[in-house]
Amino acid sequence: MRLTINLEPDLYAVAVSLSKAEDCSISAAVNRLLRRSLPGGPSSSGEPRHGMERRNGLLVCGGREVITAETVQRIEDEDDLT
């Protein structure tokens, strides 16, 4: 099914990062992320994971900064310079 959605910048960054890490399209990455949030989805016992809470049926974490593949690469590059 084709659908156009507007993602907030931090959510888009997560989708792009996952699509690069798993070598798939952004659409496939968003599908995987949504499926993981469903009860009974992959790695789901029905209970929120440590550090997560359920809001309006979705799992939400309290993290402040989105960690993307680019963030990890930048940190690794900084470590290589020292």
C-alpha atoms as a PDB file:
ATOM      1  CA  MET A   1       0.000   0.000   0.000  1.00  0.00           C
ATOM      2  CA  ARG A   2       1.371   3.410  -0.937  1.00  0.00           C
ATOM      3  CA  LEU A   3       1.036   6.205   1.637  1.00  0.00           C
ATOM      4  CA  THR A   4       2.732   9.551   2.110  1.00  0.00           C
ATOM      5  CA  ILE A   5       3.577  10.499   5.694  1.00  0.00           C
ATOM      6  CA  ASN A   6       5.484  13.371   7.277  1.00  0.00           C
ATOM      7  CA  LEU A   7       8.162  12.241   9.712  1.00  0.00           C
ATOM      8  CA  GLU A   8       9.719  14.503  12.292  1.00  0.00           C
ATOM      9  CA  PRO A   9      13.463  15.017  11.651  1.00  0.00           C
ATOM     10  CA  ASP A  10      14.616  12.757  14.502  1.00  0.00           C
ATOM     11  CA  LEU A  11      12.349   9.911  13.372  1.00  0.00           C
ATOM     12  CA  TYR A  12      13.496  10.336   9.778  1.00  0.00           C
ATOM     13  CA  ALA A  13      17.130  10.127  10.958  1.00  0.00           C
ATOM     14  CA  VAL A  14      16.372   6.841  12.737  1.00  0.00           C
ATOM     15  CA  ALA A  15      14.674   5.422   9.632  1.00  0.00           C
ATOM     16  CA  VAL A  16      17.569   6.480   7.374  1.00  0.00           C
ATOM     17  CA  SER A  17      20.115   5.048   9.798  1.00  0.00           C
ATOM     18  CA  LEU A  18      18.294   1.713   9.989  1.00  0.00           C
ATOM     19  CA  SER A  19      17.888   1.563   6.211  1.00  0.00           C
ATOM     20  CA  LYS A  20      21.643   2.067   5.758  1.00  0.00           C
ATOM     21  CA  ALA A  21      22.556  -0.389   8.512  1.00  0.00           C
ATOM     22  CA  GLU A  22      20.244  -3.109   7.177  1.00  0.00           C
ATOM     23  CA  ASP A  23      20.733  -2.248   3.476  1.00  0.00           C
ATOM     24  CA  CYS A  24      17.035  -1.725   2.813  1.00  0.00           C
ATOM     25  CA  SER A  25      14.752   1.079   1.679  1.00  0.00           C
ATOM     26  CA  ILE A  26      13.519   3.731   4.090  1.00  0.00           C
ATOM     27  CA  SER A  27      10.022   2.341   3.556  1.00  0.00           C
ATOM     28  CA  ALA A  28      11.175  -1.133   4.629  1.00  0.00           C
ATOM     29  CA  ALA A  29      12.952   0.377   7.650  1.00  0.00           C
ATOM     30  CA  VAL A  30       9.789   2.224   8.749  1.00  0.00           C
ATOM     31  CA  ASN A  31       7.769  -0.983   8.282  1.00  0.00           C
ATOM     32  CA  ARG A  32      10.243  -2.905  10.479  1.00  0.00           C
ATOM     33  CA  LEU A  33      10.182  -0.242  13.190  1.00  0.00           C
ATOM     34  CA  LEU A  34       6.383  -0.141  13.231  1.00  0.00           C
ATOM     35  CA  ARG A  35       6.129  -3.931  13.291  1.00  0.00           C
ATOM     36  CA  ARG A  36       8.553  -4.078  16.262  1.00  0.00           C
ATOM     37  CA  SER A  37       6.299  -1.705  18.201  1.00  0.00           C
ATOM     38  CA  LEU A  38       3.249  -3.965  17.833  1.00  0.00           C
ATOM     39  CA  PRO A  39       2.375  -6.397  20.622  1.00  0.00           C
ATOM     40  CA  GLY A  40       3.707  -9.792  19.620  1.00  0.00           C
ATOM     41  CA  GLY A  41       6.158  -8.212  17.185  1.00  0.00           C
ATOM     42  CA  PRO A  42       9.794  -9.336  16.924  1.00  0.00           C
ATOM     43  CA  SER A  43      11.555  -9.346  20.312  1.00  0.00           C
ATOM     44  CA  SER A  44       8.297  -8.477  22.051  1.00  0.00           C
ATOM     45  CA  SER A  45       7.134 -10.174  25.201  1.00  0.00           C
ATOM     46  CA  GLY A  46       4.237  -7.745  25.481  1.00  0.00           C
ATOM     47  CA  GLU A  47       6.034  -5.895  28.265  1.00  0.00           C
ATOM     48  CA  PRO A  48       8.047  -2.730  27.616  1.00  0.00           C
ATOM     49  CA  ARG A  49      11.810  -3.192  27.615  1.00  0.00           C
ATOM     50  CA  HIS A  50      13.940  -1.657  30.372  1.00  0.00           C
ATOM     51  CA  GLY A  51      13.928   2.125  30.064  1.00  0.00           C
ATOM     52  CA  MET A  52      10.811   2.134  27.910  1.00  0.00           C
ATOM     53  CA  GLU A  53       7.191   2.813  28.629  1.00  0.00           C
ATOM     54  CA  ARG A  54       4.005   2.214  26.685  1.00  0.00           C
ATOM     55  CA  ARG A  55       2.103   5.342  25.592  1.00  0.00           C
ATOM     56  CA  ASN A  56      -1.009   5.124  23.441  1.00  0.00           C
ATOM     57  CA  GLY A  57      -0.081   1.577  22.515  1.00  0.00           C
ATOM     58  CA  LEU A  58       3.451   2.468  21.358  1.00  0.00           C
ATOM     59  CA  LEU A  59       6.755   1.869  23.109  1.00  0.00           C
ATOM     60  CA  VAL A  60       8.541   5.119  23.942  1.00  0.00           C
ATOM     61  CA  CYS A  61      12.043   5.515  25.340  1.00  0.00           C
ATOM     62  CA  GLY A  62      13.263   8.466  27.328  1.00  0.00           C
ATOM     63  CA  GLY A  63      16.433   9.041  25.311  1.00  0.00           C
ATOM     64  CA  ARG A  64      17.370  12.595  24.527  1.00  0.00           C
ATOM     65  CA  GLU A  65      19.608  12.197  21.487  1.00  0.00           C
ATOM     66  CA  VAL A  66      18.994  10.031  18.454  1.00  0.00           C
ATOM     67  CA  ILE A  67      22.027   7.851  17.821  1.00  0.00           C
ATOM     68  CA  THR A  68      22.468   7.167  14.130  1.00  0.00           C
ATOM     69  CA  ALA A  69      25.115   5.317  12.144  1.00  0.00           C
ATOM     70  CA  GLU A  70      26.575   8.747  11.316  1.00  0.00           C
ATOM     71  CA  THR A  71      26.863   9.599  15.026  1.00  0.00           C
ATOM     72  CA  VAL A  72      28.742   6.364  15.690  1.00  0.00           C
ATOM     73  CA  GLN A  73      31.028   6.969  12.687  1.00  0.00           C
ATOM     74  CA  ARG A  74      31.814  10.512  13.876  1.00  0.00           C
ATOM     75  CA  ILE A  75      32.706   9.246  17.355  1.00  0.00           C
ATOM     76  CA  GLU A  76      34.868   6.469  15.902  1.00  0.00           C
ATOM     77  CA  ASP A  77      36.634   9.013  13.668  1.00  0.00           C
ATOM     78  CA  GLU A  78      37.267  11.255  16.690  1.00  0.00           C
ATOM     79  CA  ASP A  79      38.734   8.278  18.576  1.00  0.00           C
ATOM     80  CA  ASP A  80      41.045   7.524  15.649  1.00  0.00           C
ATOM     81  CA  LEU A  81      42.456  11.059  15.824  1.00  0.00           C
ATOM     82  CA  THR A  82      43.539  10.677  19.457  1.00  0.00           C
END
